[in-house]
PDB file of all heavy atoms in Angstrom:
ATOM      1  N   ASP A   1       0.853  -1.189   0.000  1.00  0.00           N
ATOM      2  CA  ASP A   1      -0.001   0.000   0.001  1.00  0.00           C
ATOM      3  C   ASP A   1       0.884   1.233   0.001  1.00  0.00           C
ATOM      4  O   ASP A   1       2.030   1.193   0.473  1.00  0.00           O
ATOM      5  CB  ASP A   1      -0.887   0.036   1.245  1.00  0.00           C
ATOM      6  CG  ASP A   1      -2.072  -0.907   1.150  1.00  0.00           C
ATOM      7  OD1 ASP A   1      -2.390  -1.343   0.027  1.00  0.00           O
ATOM      8  OD2 ASP A   1      -2.671  -1.217   2.197  1.00  0.00           O
ATOM      9  N   VAL A   2       0.348   2.346  -0.495  1.00  0.00           N
ATOM     10  CA  VAL A   2       1.071   3.613  -0.442  1.00  0.00           C
ATOM     11  C   VAL A   2       1.194   4.078   1.010  1.00  0.00           C
ATOM     12  O   VAL A   2       2.256   4.488   1.468  1.00  0.00           O
ATOM     13  CB  VAL A   2       0.359   4.686  -1.297  1.00  0.00           C
ATOM     14  CG1 VAL A   2       1.050   6.039  -1.127  1.00  0.00           C
ATOM     15  CG2 VAL A   2       0.356   4.272  -2.771  1.00  0.00           C
ATOM     16  N   GLU A   3       0.089   3.977   1.752  1.00  0.00           N
ATOM     17  CA  GLU A   3       0.065   4.369   3.156  1.00  0.00           C
ATOM     18  C   GLU A   3       0.299   3.151   4.043  1.00  0.00           C
ATOM     19  O   GLU A   3      -0.173   2.049   3.755  1.00  0.00           O
ATOM     20  CB  GLU A   3      -1.268   5.021   3.513  1.00  0.00           C
ATOM     21  CG  GLU A   3      -1.616   6.237   2.674  1.00  0.00           C
ATOM     22  CD  GLU A   3      -0.686   7.413   2.947  1.00  0.00           C
ATOM     23  OE1 GLU A   3      -0.109   7.465   4.065  1.00  0.00           O
ATOM     24  OE2 GLU A   3      -0.532   8.266   2.058  1.00  0.00           O
ATOM     25  N   LYS A   4       0.995   3.367   5.165  1.00  0.00           N
ATOM     26  CA  LYS A   4       1.282   2.279   6.106  1.00  0.00           C
ATOM     27  C   LYS A   4       0.194   2.202   7.169  1.00  0.00           C
ATOM     28  O   LYS A   4       0.401   2.526   8.345  1.00  0.00           O
ATOM     29  CB  LYS A   4       2.655   2.485   6.738  1.00  0.00           C
ATOM     30  CG  LYS A   4       3.790   2.442   5.729  1.00  0.00           C
ATOM     31  CD  LYS A   4       5.140   2.678   6.386  1.00  0.00           C
ATOM     32  CE  LYS A   4       6.277   2.644   5.375  1.00  0.00           C
ATOM     33  NZ  LYS A   4       7.601   2.887   5.983  1.00  0.00           N
ATOM     34  N   ASN A   5      -0.993   1.767   6.739  1.00  0.00           N
ATOM     35  CA  ASN A   5      -2.129   1.706   7.649  1.00  0.00           C
ATOM     36  C   ASN A   5      -2.139   0.415   8.459  1.00  0.00           C
ATOM     37  O   ASN A   5      -1.728  -0.639   7.974  1.00  0.00           O
ATOM     38  CB  ASN A   5      -3.435   1.817   6.854  1.00  0.00           C
ATOM     39  CG  ASN A   5      -3.612   3.182   6.222  1.00  0.00           C
ATOM     40  OD1 ASN A   5      -3.536   4.194   6.914  1.00  0.00           O
ATOM     41  ND2 ASN A   5      -3.819   3.205   4.901  1.00  0.00           N
ATOM     42  N   GLY A   6      -2.663   0.528   9.656  1.00  0.00           N
ATOM     43  CA  GLY A   6      -2.878  -0.643  10.507  1.00  0.00           C
ATOM     44  C   GLY A   6      -4.319  -1.096  10.365  1.00  0.00           C
ATOM     45  O   GLY A   6      -4.734  -1.559   9.314  1.00  0.00           O
ATOM     46  N   ASP A   7      -5.131  -0.909  11.424  1.00  0.00           N
ATOM     47  CA  ASP A   7      -6.556  -1.259  11.359  1.00  0.00           C
ATOM     48  C   ASP A   7      -7.330  -0.152  10.651  1.00  0.00           C
ATOM     49  O   ASP A   7      -7.138   1.037  10.927  1.00  0.00           O
ATOM     50  CB  ASP A   7      -7.124  -1.440  12.768  1.00  0.00           C
ATOM     51  CG  ASP A   7      -6.594  -2.704  13.440  1.00  0.00           C
ATOM     52  OD1 ASP A   7      -6.266  -3.666  12.714  1.00  0.00           O
ATOM     53  OD2 ASP A   7      -6.498  -2.712  14.685  1.00  0.00           O
ATOM     54  N   LEU A   8      -8.222  -0.548   9.743  1.00  0.00           N
ATOM     55  CA  LEU A   8      -9.088   0.401   9.057  1.00  0.00           C
ATOM     56  C   LEU A   8     -10.521  -0.127   9.006  1.00  0.00           C
ATOM     57  O   LEU A   8     -10.739  -1.320   8.748  1.00  0.00           O
ATOM     58  CB  LEU A   8      -8.617   0.633   7.612  1.00  0.00           C
ATOM     59  CG  LEU A   8      -7.408   1.548   7.364  1.00  0.00           C
ATOM     60  CD1 LEU A   8      -7.121   1.626   5.869  1.00  0.00           C
ATOM     61  CD2 LEU A   8      -7.650   2.945   7.919  1.00  0.00           C
ATOM     62  N   PRO A   9     -11.509   0.740   9.253  1.00  0.00           N
ATOM     63  CA  PRO A   9     -12.904   0.338   9.038  1.00  0.00           C
ATOM     64  C   PRO A   9     -13.128   0.010   7.569  1.00  0.00           C
ATOM     65  O   PRO A   9     -12.408   0.487   6.698  1.00  0.00           O
ATOM     66  CB  PRO A   9     -13.703   1.578   9.452  1.00  0.00           C
ATOM     67  CG  PRO A   9     -12.771   2.402  10.260  1.00  0.00           C
ATOM     68  CD  PRO A   9     -11.394   2.122   9.748  1.00  0.00           C
ATOM     69  N   PHE A  10     -14.144  -0.774   7.298  1.00  0.00           N
ATOM     70  CA  PHE A  10     -14.439  -1.230   5.940  1.00  0.00           C
ATOM     71  C   PHE A  10     -14.495  -0.063   4.957  1.00  0.00           C
ATOM     72  O   PHE A  10     -13.879  -0.115   3.886  1.00  0.00           O
ATOM     73  CB  PHE A  10     -15.773  -1.988   5.933  1.00  0.00           C
ATOM     74  CG  PHE A  10     -16.145  -2.581   4.596  1.00  0.00           C
ATOM     75  CD1 PHE A  10     -15.752  -3.866   4.255  1.00  0.00           C
ATOM     76  CD2 PHE A  10     -16.872  -1.850   3.659  1.00  0.00           C
ATOM     77  CE1 PHE A  10     -16.104  -4.422   3.025  1.00  0.00           C
ATOM     78  CE2 PHE A  10     -17.221  -2.389   2.430  1.00  0.00           C
ATOM     79  CZ  PHE A  10     -16.829  -3.678   2.119  1.00  0.00           C
ATOM     80  N   ASP A  11     -15.219   1.002   5.304  1.00  0.00           N
ATOM     81  CA  ASP A  11     -15.367   2.111   4.350  1.00  0.00           C
ATOM     82  C   ASP A  11     -14.046   2.821   4.081  1.00  0.00           C
ATOM     83  O   ASP A  11     -13.763   3.233   2.943  1.00  0.00           O
ATOM     84  CB  ASP A  11     -16.434   3.085   4.807  1.00  0.00           C
ATOM     85  CG  ASP A  11     -16.194   3.655   6.191  1.00  0.00           C
ATOM     86  OD1 ASP A  11     -15.210   3.239   6.855  1.00  0.00           O
ATOM     87  OD2 ASP A  11     -16.998   4.513   6.622  1.00  0.00           O
ATOM     88  N   LYS A  12     -13.199   2.933   5.109  1.00  0.00           N
ATOM     89  CA  LYS A  12     -11.935   3.642   4.922  1.00  0.00           C
ATOM     90  C   LYS A  12     -10.888   2.778   4.215  1.00  0.00           C
ATOM     91  O   LYS A  12      -9.892   3.313   3.714  1.00  0.00           O
ATOM     92  CB  LYS A  12     -11.418   4.150   6.262  1.00  0.00           C
ATOM     93  CG  LYS A  12     -12.275   5.267   6.831  1.00  0.00           C
ATOM     94  CD  LYS A  12     -11.660   5.943   8.030  1.00  0.00           C
ATOM     95  CE  LYS A  12     -12.545   7.104   8.489  1.00  0.00           C
ATOM     96  NZ  LYS A  12     -11.981   7.825   9.644  1.00  0.00           N
ATOM     97  N   VAL A  13     -11.117   1.463   4.158  1.00  0.00           N
ATOM     98  CA  VAL A  13     -10.264   0.612   3.317  1.00  0.00           C
ATOM     99  C   VAL A  13     -10.295   1.137   1.888  1.00  0.00           C
ATOM    100  O   VAL A  13      -9.259   1.200   1.206  1.00  0.00           O
ATOM    101  CB  VAL A  13     -10.751  -0.852   3.363  1.00  0.00           C
ATOM    102  CG1 VAL A  13     -10.126  -1.668   2.221  1.00  0.00           C
ATOM    103  CG2 VAL A  13     -10.422  -1.486   4.701  1.00  0.00           C
ATOM    104  N   PHE A  14     -11.472   1.559   1.441  1.00  0.00           N
ATOM    105  CA  PHE A  14     -11.627   2.049   0.064  1.00  0.00           C
ATOM    106  C   PHE A  14     -11.381   3.554  -0.021  1.00  0.00           C
ATOM    107  O   PHE A  14     -10.854   4.041  -1.032  1.00  0.00           O
ATOM    108  CB  PHE A  14     -13.014   1.683  -0.448  1.00  0.00           C
ATOM    109  CG  PHE A  14     -13.237   0.201  -0.489  1.00  0.00           C
ATOM    110  CD1 PHE A  14     -13.962  -0.439   0.510  1.00  0.00           C
ATOM    111  CD2 PHE A  14     -12.667  -0.575  -1.487  1.00  0.00           C
ATOM    112  CE1 PHE A  14     -14.153  -1.809   0.486  1.00  0.00           C
ATOM    113  CE2 PHE A  14     -12.845  -1.958  -1.522  1.00  0.00           C
ATOM    114  CZ  PHE A  14     -13.590  -2.570  -0.534  1.00  0.00           C
ATOM    115  N   ALA A  15     -11.731   4.280   1.046  1.00  0.00           N
ATOM    116  CA  ALA A  15     -11.469   5.718   1.041  1.00  0.00           C
ATOM    117  C   ALA A  15      -9.981   5.997   0.945  1.00  0.00           C
ATOM    118  O   ALA A  15      -9.556   6.919   0.229  1.00  0.00           O
ATOM    119  CB  ALA A  15     -12.049   6.367   2.293  1.00  0.00           C
ATOM    120  N   TYR A  16      -9.163   5.197   1.653  1.00  0.00           N
ATOM    121  CA  TYR A  16      -7.706   5.358   1.630  1.00  0.00           C
ATOM    122  C   TYR A  16      -7.041   4.413   0.632  1.00  0.00           C
ATOM    123  O   TYR A  16      -5.825   4.376   0.520  1.00  0.00           O
ATOM    124  CB  TYR A  16      -7.134   5.137   3.026  1.00  0.00           C
ATOM    125  CG  TYR A  16      -7.656   6.095   4.076  1.00  0.00           C
ATOM    126  CD1 TYR A  16      -7.594   5.767   5.427  1.00  0.00           C
ATOM    127  CD2 TYR A  16      -8.235   7.319   3.726  1.00  0.00           C
ATOM    128  CE1 TYR A  16      -8.087   6.648   6.404  1.00  0.00           C
ATOM    129  CE2 TYR A  16      -8.723   8.192   4.683  1.00  0.00           C
ATOM    130  CZ  TYR A  16      -8.654   7.852   6.027  1.00  0.00           C
ATOM    131  OH  TYR A  16      -9.133   8.709   6.980  1.00  0.00           O
ATOM    132  N   SER A  17      -7.874   3.628  -0.060  1.00  0.00           N
ATOM    133  CA  SER A  17      -7.456   2.760  -1.159  1.00  0.00           C
ATOM    134  C   SER A  17      -6.378   1.751  -0.761  1.00  0.00           C
ATOM    135  O   SER A  17      -5.302   1.679  -1.372  1.00  0.00           O
ATOM    136  CB  SER A  17      -6.969   3.602  -2.347  1.00  0.00           C
ATOM    137  OG  SER A  17      -7.146   2.901  -3.564  1.00  0.00           O
ATOM    138  N   SER A  18      -6.675   0.933   0.224  1.00  0.00           N
ATOM    139  CA  SER A  18      -5.758  -0.128   0.645  1.00  0.00           C
ATOM    140  C   SER A  18      -5.875  -1.344  -0.269  1.00  0.00           C
ATOM    141  O   SER A  18      -6.924  -1.992  -0.324  1.00  0.00           O
ATOM    142  CB  SER A  18      -6.050  -0.546   2.087  1.00  0.00           C
ATOM    143  OG  SER A  18      -5.328  -1.717   2.415  1.00  0.00           O
ATOM    144  N   ASN A  19      -4.803  -1.655  -0.958  1.00  0.00           N
ATOM    145  CA  ASN A  19      -4.768  -2.856  -1.788  1.00  0.00           C
ATOM    146  C   ASN A  19      -4.781  -4.116  -0.939  1.00  0.00           C
ATOM    147  O   ASN A  19      -5.412  -5.116  -1.285  1.00  0.00           O
ATOM    148  CB  ASN A  19      -3.520  -2.845  -2.671  1.00  0.00           C
ATOM    149  CG  ASN A  19      -3.544  -1.756  -3.724  1.00  0.00           C
ATOM    150  OD1 ASN A  19      -4.601  -1.255  -4.095  1.00  0.00           O
ATOM    151  ND2 ASN A  19      -2.379  -1.385  -4.203  1.00  0.00           N
ATOM    152  N   ILE A  20      -4.076  -4.050   0.163  1.00  0.00           N
ATOM    153  CA  ILE A  20      -3.947  -5.221   1.040  1.00  0.00           C
ATOM    154  C   ILE A  20      -5.307  -5.641   1.579  1.00  0.00           C
ATOM    155  O   ILE A  20      -5.698  -6.815   1.481  1.00  0.00           O
ATOM    156  CB  ILE A  20      -2.968  -4.925   2.205  1.00  0.00           C
ATOM    157  CG1 ILE A  20      -1.544  -4.757   1.653  1.00  0.00           C
ATOM    158  CG2 ILE A  20      -3.009  -6.020   3.249  1.00  0.00           C
ATOM    159  CD1 ILE A  20      -0.558  -4.191   2.650  1.00  0.00           C
ATOM    160  N   CYS A  21      -6.053  -4.695   2.135  1.00  0.00           N
ATOM    161  CA  CYS A  21      -7.352  -5.050   2.707  1.00  0.00           C
ATOM    162  C   CYS A  21      -8.387  -5.353   1.636  1.00  0.00           C
ATOM    163  O   CYS A  21      -9.297  -6.160   1.854  1.00  0.00           O
ATOM    164  CB  CYS A  21      -7.829  -3.941   3.630  1.00  0.00           C
ATOM    165  SG  CYS A  21      -6.930  -3.890   5.195  1.00  0.00           S
ATOM    166  N   SER A  22      -8.279  -4.740   0.455  1.00  0.00           N
ATOM    167  CA  SER A  22      -9.159  -5.096  -0.660  1.00  0.00           C
ATOM    168  C   SER A  22      -8.929  -6.539  -1.051  1.00  0.00           C
ATOM    169  O   SER A  22      -9.881  -7.286  -1.326  1.00  0.00           O
ATOM    170  CB  SER A  22      -8.899  -4.183  -1.859  1.00  0.00           C
ATOM    171  OG  SER A  22      -9.222  -2.851  -1.567  1.00  0.00           O
ATOM    172  N   ALA A  23      -7.659  -6.957  -1.085  1.00  0.00           N
ATOM    173  CA  ALA A  23      -7.330  -8.351  -1.386  1.00  0.00           C
ATOM    174  C   ALA A  23      -7.924  -9.291  -0.342  1.00  0.00           C
ATOM    175  O   ALA A  23      -8.484 -10.339  -0.675  1.00  0.00           O
ATOM    176  CB  ALA A  23      -5.819  -8.517  -1.461  1.00  0.00           C
ATOM    177  N   LYS A  24      -7.816  -8.904   0.927  1.00  0.00           N
ATOM    178  CA  LYS A  24      -8.368  -9.740   2.007  1.00  0.00           C
ATOM    179  C   LYS A  24      -9.890  -9.883   1.872  1.00  0.00           C
ATOM    180  O   LYS A  24     -10.450 -10.946   2.134  1.00  0.00           O
ATOM    181  CB  LYS A  24      -8.014  -9.144   3.364  1.00  0.00           C
ATOM    182  CG  LYS A  24      -6.537  -9.295   3.743  1.00  0.00           C
ATOM    183  CD  LYS A  24      -6.288  -8.770   5.146  1.00  0.00           C
ATOM    184  CE  LYS A  24      -4.843  -9.039   5.594  1.00  0.00           C
ATOM    185  NZ  LYS A  24      -4.599  -8.596   6.977  1.00  0.00           N
ATOM    186  N   ILE A  25     -10.541  -8.809   1.479  1.00  0.00           N
ATOM    187  CA  ILE A  25     -11.999  -8.854   1.298  1.00  0.00           C
ATOM    188  C   ILE A  25     -12.366  -9.821   0.191  1.00  0.00           C
ATOM    189  O   ILE A  25     -13.269 -10.654   0.339  1.00  0.00           O
ATOM    190  CB  ILE A  25     -12.535  -7.434   1.004  1.00  0.00           C
ATOM    191  CG1 ILE A  25     -12.438  -6.569   2.255  1.00  0.00           C
ATOM    192  CG2 ILE A  25     -13.976  -7.487   0.485  1.00  0.00           C
ATOM    193  CD1 ILE A  25     -12.699  -5.109   2.018  1.00  0.00           C
ATOM    194  N   ALA A  26     -11.687  -9.727  -0.945  1.00  0.00           N
ATOM    195  CA  ALA A  26     -11.988 -10.622  -2.064  1.00  0.00           C
ATOM    196  C   ALA A  26     -11.700 -12.079  -1.720  1.00  0.00           C
ATOM    197  O   ALA A  26     -12.446 -12.976  -2.103  1.00  0.00           O
ATOM    198  CB  ALA A  26     -11.183 -10.205  -3.297  1.00  0.00           C
ATOM    199  N   LEU A  27     -10.612 -12.320  -0.963  1.00  0.00           N
ATOM    200  CA  LEU A  27     -10.266 -13.693  -0.580  1.00  0.00           C
ATOM    201  C   LEU A  27     -11.305 -14.294   0.357  1.00  0.00           C
ATOM    202  O   LEU A  27     -11.600 -15.486   0.291  1.00  0.00           O
ATOM    203  CB  LEU A  27      -8.887 -13.717   0.066  1.00  0.00           C
ATOM    204  CG  LEU A  27      -7.710 -13.466  -0.895  1.00  0.00           C
ATOM    205  CD1 LEU A  27      -6.433 -13.175  -0.126  1.00  0.00           C
ATOM    206  CD2 LEU A  27      -7.523 -14.668  -1.825  1.00  0.00           C
ATOM    207  N   LYS A  28     -11.878 -13.449   1.213  1.00  0.00           N
ATOM    208  CA  LYS A  28     -12.932 -13.962   2.092  1.00  0.00           C
ATOM    209  C   LYS A  28     -14.201 -14.283   1.302  1.00  0.00           C
ATOM    210  O   LYS A  28     -14.912 -15.246   1.616  1.00  0.00           O
ATOM    211  CB  LYS A  28     -13.243 -12.954   3.190  1.00  0.00           C
ATOM    212  CG  LYS A  28     -14.236 -13.501   4.222  1.00  0.00           C
ATOM    213  CD  LYS A  28     -14.417 -12.572   5.398  1.00  0.00           C
ATOM    214  CE  LYS A  28     -15.380 -13.184   6.406  1.00  0.00           C
ATOM    215  NZ  LYS A  28     -15.611 -12.311   7.571  1.00  0.00           N
ATOM    216  N   GLU A  29     -14.482 -13.483   0.297  1.00  0.00           N
ATOM    217  CA  GLU A  29     -15.638 -13.770  -0.572  1.00  0.00           C
ATOM    218  C   GLU A  29     -15.456 -15.096  -1.308  1.00  0.00           C
ATOM    219  O   GLU A  29     -16.402 -15.825  -1.550  1.00  0.00           O
ATOM    220  CB  GLU A  29     -15.803 -12.668  -1.628  1.00  0.00           C
ATOM    221  CG  GLU A  29     -16.227 -11.308  -1.127  1.00  0.00           C
ATOM    222  CD  GLU A  29     -16.313 -10.330  -2.283  1.00  0.00           C
ATOM    223  OE1 GLU A  29     -17.130 -10.558  -3.190  1.00  0.00           O
ATOM    224  OE2 GLU A  29     -15.541  -9.358  -2.307  1.00  0.00           O
ATOM    225  N   ASP A  30     -14.216 -15.345  -1.717  1.00  0.00           N
ATOM    226  CA  ASP A  30     -13.842 -16.472  -2.573  1.00  0.00           C
ATOM    227  C   ASP A  30     -14.220 -16.132  -4.016  1.00  0.00           C
ATOM    228  O   ASP A  30     -14.992 -15.225  -4.293  1.00  0.00           O
ATOM    229  CB  ASP A  30     -14.461 -17.792  -2.132  1.00  0.00           C
ATOM    230  CG  ASP A  30     -13.668 -18.992  -2.638  1.00  0.00           C
ATOM    231  OD1 ASP A  30     -12.654 -18.798  -3.336  1.00  0.00           O
ATOM    232  OD2 ASP A  30     -14.052 -20.126  -2.326  1.00  0.00           O
ATOM    233  N   LYS A  31     -13.648 -16.875  -4.929  1.00  0.00           N
ATOM    234  CA  LYS A  31     -13.781 -16.528  -6.355  1.00  0.00           C
ATOM    235  C   LYS A  31     -15.200 -16.682  -6.867  1.00  0.00           C
ATOM    236  O   LYS A  31     -15.608 -15.984  -7.802  1.00  0.00           O
ATOM    237  CB  LYS A  31     -12.816 -17.359  -7.193  1.00  0.00           C
ATOM    238  CG  LYS A  31     -13.124 -18.851  -7.259  1.00  0.00           C
ATOM    239  CD  LYS A  31     -12.127 -19.553  -8.182  1.00  0.00           C
ATOM    240  CE  LYS A  31     -12.461 -21.040  -8.347  1.00  0.00           C
ATOM    241  NZ  LYS A  31     -11.525 -21.722  -9.263  1.00  0.00           N
ATOM    242  N   GLU A  32     -15.980 -17.582  -6.257  1.00  0.00           N
ATOM    243  CA  GLU A  32     -17.339 -17.797  -6.751  1.00  0.00           C
ATOM    244  C   GLU A  32     -18.180 -16.535  -6.638  1.00  0.00           C
ATOM    245  O   GLU A  32     -18.845 -16.120  -7.597  1.00  0.00           O
ATOM    246  CB  GLU A  32     -18.011 -18.933  -5.971  1.00  0.00           C
ATOM    247  CG  GLU A  32     -19.414 -19.255  -6.473  1.00  0.00           C
ATOM    248  CD  GLU A  32     -20.054 -20.414  -5.729  1.00  0.00           C
ATOM    249  OE1 GLU A  32     -19.382 -21.025  -4.876  1.00  0.00           O
ATOM    250  OE2 GLU A  32     -21.227 -20.699  -5.993  1.00  0.00           O
ATOM    251  N   ILE A  33     -18.140 -15.907  -5.472  1.00  0.00           N
ATOM    252  CA  ILE A  33     -18.906 -14.675  -5.269  1.00  0.00           C
ATOM    253  C   ILE A  33     -18.285 -13.528  -6.070  1.00  0.00           C
ATOM    254  O   ILE A  33     -18.999 -12.762  -6.732  1.00  0.00           O
ATOM    255  CB  ILE A  33     -18.970 -14.320  -3.775  1.00  0.00           C
ATOM    256  CG1 ILE A  33     -19.811 -15.352  -3.031  1.00  0.00           C
ATOM    257  CG2 ILE A  33     -19.533 -12.919  -3.563  1.00  0.00           C
ATOM    258  CD1 ILE A  33     -19.825 -15.175  -1.517  1.00  0.00           C
ATOM    259  N   PHE A  34     -16.968 -13.406  -6.006  1.00  0.00           N
ATOM    260  CA  PHE A  34     -16.309 -12.290  -6.689  1.00  0.00           C
ATOM    261  C   PHE A  34     -16.579 -12.323  -8.181  1.00  0.00           C
ATOM    262  O   PHE A  34     -16.919 -11.296  -8.788  1.00  0.00           O
ATOM    263  CB  PHE A  34     -14.796 -12.336  -6.430  1.00  0.00           C
ATOM    264  CG  PHE A  34     -14.078 -11.097  -6.895  1.00  0.00           C
ATOM    265  CD1 PHE A  34     -13.999  -9.986  -6.091  1.00  0.00           C
ATOM    266  CD2 PHE A  34     -13.474 -11.061  -8.147  1.00  0.00           C
ATOM    267  CE1 PHE A  34     -13.325  -8.831  -6.510  1.00  0.00           C
ATOM    268  CE2 PHE A  34     -12.802  -9.915  -8.580  1.00  0.00           C
ATOM    269  CZ  PHE A  34     -12.741  -8.815  -7.749  1.00  0.00           C
ATOM    270  N   TYR A  35     -16.460 -13.500  -8.801  1.00  0.00           N
ATOM    271  CA  TYR A  35     -16.681 -13.610 -10.244  1.00  0.00           C
ATOM    272  C   TYR A  35     -18.146 -13.423 -10.604  1.00  0.00           C
ATOM    273  O   TYR A  35     -18.469 -12.905 -11.692  1.00  0.00           O
ATOM    274  CB  TYR A  35     -16.179 -14.949 -10.769  1.00  0.00           C
ATOM    275  CG  TYR A  35     -14.789 -14.863 -11.351  1.00  0.00           C
ATOM    276  CD1 TYR A  35     -13.689 -14.614 -10.540  1.00  0.00           C
ATOM    277  CD2 TYR A  35     -14.563 -15.005 -12.711  1.00  0.00           C
ATOM    278  CE1 TYR A  35     -12.416 -14.527 -11.071  1.00  0.00           C
ATOM    279  CE2 TYR A  35     -13.292 -14.922 -13.253  1.00  0.00           C
ATOM    280  CZ  TYR A  35     -12.212 -14.674 -12.428  1.00  0.00           C
ATOM    281  OH  TYR A  35     -10.958 -14.576 -12.947  1.00  0.00           O
ATOM    282  N   LYS A  36     -19.037 -13.821  -9.715  1.00  0.00           N
ATOM    283  CA  LYS A  36     -20.467 -13.607  -9.968  1.00  0.00           C
ATOM    284  C   LYS A  36     -20.736 -12.132 -10.194  1.00  0.00           C
ATOM    285  O   LYS A  36     -21.457 -11.747 -11.137  1.00  0.00           O
ATOM    286  CB  LYS A  36     -21.284 -14.121  -8.785  1.00  0.00           C
ATOM    287  CG  LYS A  36     -22.766 -13.771  -8.850  1.00  0.00           C
ATOM    288  CD  LYS A  36     -23.492 -14.130  -7.560  1.00  0.00           C
ATOM    289  CE  LYS A  36     -24.929 -13.610  -7.576  1.00  0.00           C
ATOM    290  NZ  LYS A  36     -25.629 -13.893  -6.299  1.00  0.00           N
ATOM    291  N   TYR A  37     -20.160 -11.287  -9.360  1.00  0.00           N
ATOM    292  CA  TYR A  37     -20.387  -9.844  -9.484  1.00  0.00           C
ATOM    293  C   TYR A  37     -19.509  -9.215 -10.570  1.00  0.00           C
ATOM    294  O   TYR A  37     -19.934  -8.258 -11.233  1.00  0.00           O
ATOM    295  CB  TYR A  37     -20.162  -9.159  -8.135  1.00  0.00           C
ATOM    296  CG  TYR A  37     -21.304  -9.417  -7.182  1.00  0.00           C
ATOM    297  CD1 TYR A  37     -21.283 -10.510  -6.313  1.00  0.00           C
ATOM    298  CD2 TYR A  37     -22.416  -8.597  -7.164  1.00  0.00           C
ATOM    299  CE1 TYR A  37     -22.340 -10.765  -5.456  1.00  0.00           C
ATOM    300  CE2 TYR A  37     -23.480  -8.842  -6.307  1.00  0.00           C
ATOM    301  CZ  TYR A  37     -23.440  -9.926  -5.460  1.00  0.00           C
ATOM    302  OH  TYR A  37     -24.500 -10.174  -4.609  1.00  0.00           O
ATOM    303  N   LEU A  38     -18.321  -9.729 -10.765  1.00  0.00           N
ATOM    304  CA  LEU A  38     -17.462  -9.256 -11.850  1.00  0.00           C
ATOM    305  C   LEU A  38     -18.198  -9.404 -13.182  1.00  0.00           C
ATOM    306  O   LEU A  38     -18.235  -8.466 -13.987  1.00  0.00           O
ATOM    307  CB  LEU A  38     -16.163 -10.026 -11.851  1.00  0.00           C
ATOM    308  CG  LEU A  38     -15.110  -9.711 -12.929  1.00  0.00           C
ATOM    309  CD1 LEU A  38     -13.712 -10.014 -12.403  1.00  0.00           C
ATOM    310  CD2 LEU A  38     -15.328 -10.517 -14.206  1.00  0.00           C
ATOM    311  N   TRP A  39     -18.797 -10.562 -13.392  1.00  0.00           N
ATOM    312  CA  TRP A  39     -19.555 -10.800 -14.625  1.00  0.00           C
ATOM    313  C   TRP A  39     -20.832  -9.968 -14.645  1.00  0.00           C
ATOM    314  O   TRP A  39     -21.232  -9.462 -15.687  1.00  0.00           O
ATOM    315  CB  TRP A  39     -19.874 -12.279 -14.770  1.00  0.00           C
ATOM    316  CG  TRP A  39     -18.679 -13.120 -15.110  1.00  0.00           C
ATOM    317  CD1 TRP A  39     -17.623 -12.774 -15.905  1.00  0.00           C
ATOM    318  CD2 TRP A  39     -18.413 -14.452 -14.660  1.00  0.00           C
ATOM    319  NE1 TRP A  39     -16.724 -13.800 -15.984  1.00  0.00           N
ATOM    320  CE2 TRP A  39     -17.179 -14.852 -15.232  1.00  0.00           C
ATOM    321  CE3 TRP A  39     -19.076 -15.362 -13.835  1.00  0.00           C
ATOM    322  CZ2 TRP A  39     -16.605 -16.115 -15.013  1.00  0.00           C
ATOM    323  CZ3 TRP A  39     -18.523 -16.615 -13.619  1.00  0.00           C
ATOM    324  CH2 TRP A  39     -17.295 -16.982 -14.200  1.00  0.00           C
ATOM    325  N   ALA A  40     -21.488  -9.831 -13.481  1.00  0.00           N
ATOM    326  CA  ALA A  40     -22.735  -9.062 -13.411  1.00  0.00           C
ATOM    327  C   ALA A  40     -22.498  -7.604 -13.794  1.00  0.00           C
ATOM    328  O   ALA A  40     -23.331  -6.969 -14.451  1.00  0.00           O
ATOM    329  CB  ALA A  40     -23.337  -9.149 -12.022  1.00  0.00           C
ATOM    330  N   PHE A  41     -21.336  -7.067 -13.394  1.00  0.00           N
ATOM    331  CA  PHE A  41     -20.998  -5.684 -13.737  1.00  0.00           C
ATOM    332  C   PHE A  41     -20.553  -5.539 -15.193  1.00  0.00           C
ATOM    333  O   PHE A  41     -20.273  -4.435 -15.654  1.00  0.00           O
ATOM    334  CB  PHE A  41     -19.904  -5.147 -12.812  1.00  0.00           C
ATOM    335  CG  PHE A  41     -20.426  -4.548 -11.535  1.00  0.00           C
ATOM    336  CD1 PHE A  41     -20.432  -5.282 -10.359  1.00  0.00           C
ATOM    337  CD2 PHE A  41     -20.915  -3.255 -11.515  1.00  0.00           C
ATOM    338  CE1 PHE A  41     -20.915  -4.730  -9.177  1.00  0.00           C
ATOM    339  CE2 PHE A  41     -21.396  -2.688 -10.342  1.00  0.00           C
ATOM    340  CZ  PHE A  41     -21.405  -3.428  -9.165  1.00  0.00           C
ATOM    341  N   GLY A  42     -20.455  -6.648 -15.919  1.00  0.00           N
ATOM    342  CA  GLY A  42     -20.210  -6.590 -17.353  1.00  0.00           C
ATOM    343  C   GLY A  42     -18.766  -6.704 -17.779  1.00  0.00           C
ATOM    344  O   GLY A  42     -18.461  -6.485 -18.963  1.00  0.00           O
ATOM    345  N   PHE A  43     -17.869  -7.056 -16.871  1.00  0.00           N
ATOM    346  CA  PHE A  43     -16.458  -7.167 -17.272  1.00  0.00           C
ATOM    347  C   PHE A  43     -16.215  -8.488 -17.994  1.00  0.00           C
ATOM    348  O   PHE A  43     -16.859  -9.498 -17.730  1.00  0.00           O
ATOM    349  CB  PHE A  43     -15.561  -7.032 -16.044  1.00  0.00           C
ATOM    350  CG  PHE A  43     -15.564  -5.636 -15.479  1.00  0.00           C
ATOM    351  CD1 PHE A  43     -16.300  -5.350 -14.335  1.00  0.00           C
ATOM    352  CD2 PHE A  43     -14.884  -4.612 -16.109  1.00  0.00           C
ATOM    353  CE1 PHE A  43     -16.338  -4.062 -13.817  1.00  0.00           C
ATOM    354  CE2 PHE A  43     -14.908  -3.327 -15.604  1.00  0.00           C
ATOM    355  CZ  PHE A  43     -15.647  -3.048 -14.463  1.00  0.00           C
ATOM    356  N   GLY A  44     -15.268  -8.436 -18.931  1.00  0.00           N
ATOM    357  CA  GLY A  44     -14.963  -9.625 -19.724  1.00  0.00           C
ATOM    358  C   GLY A  44     -15.848  -9.791 -20.945  1.00  0.00           C
ATOM    359  O   GLY A  44     -15.747 -10.789 -21.658  1.00  0.00           O
TER     360      GLY A  44
END
C-alpha cells in the first residue's frame, strides 16, 4: 500500500485505497462470489 495503515474500518479501506485489505476482502468472498459480481458488472 502507499500508506502504512494498521486497522481500518471497511469504508476507509476504500477511502484510503488499501490494496492489502481489498485483497483480504476478495479472498474472504472467494472466487465464486467475486466472479459472480465481476460478470454481473459486465467485465470480460
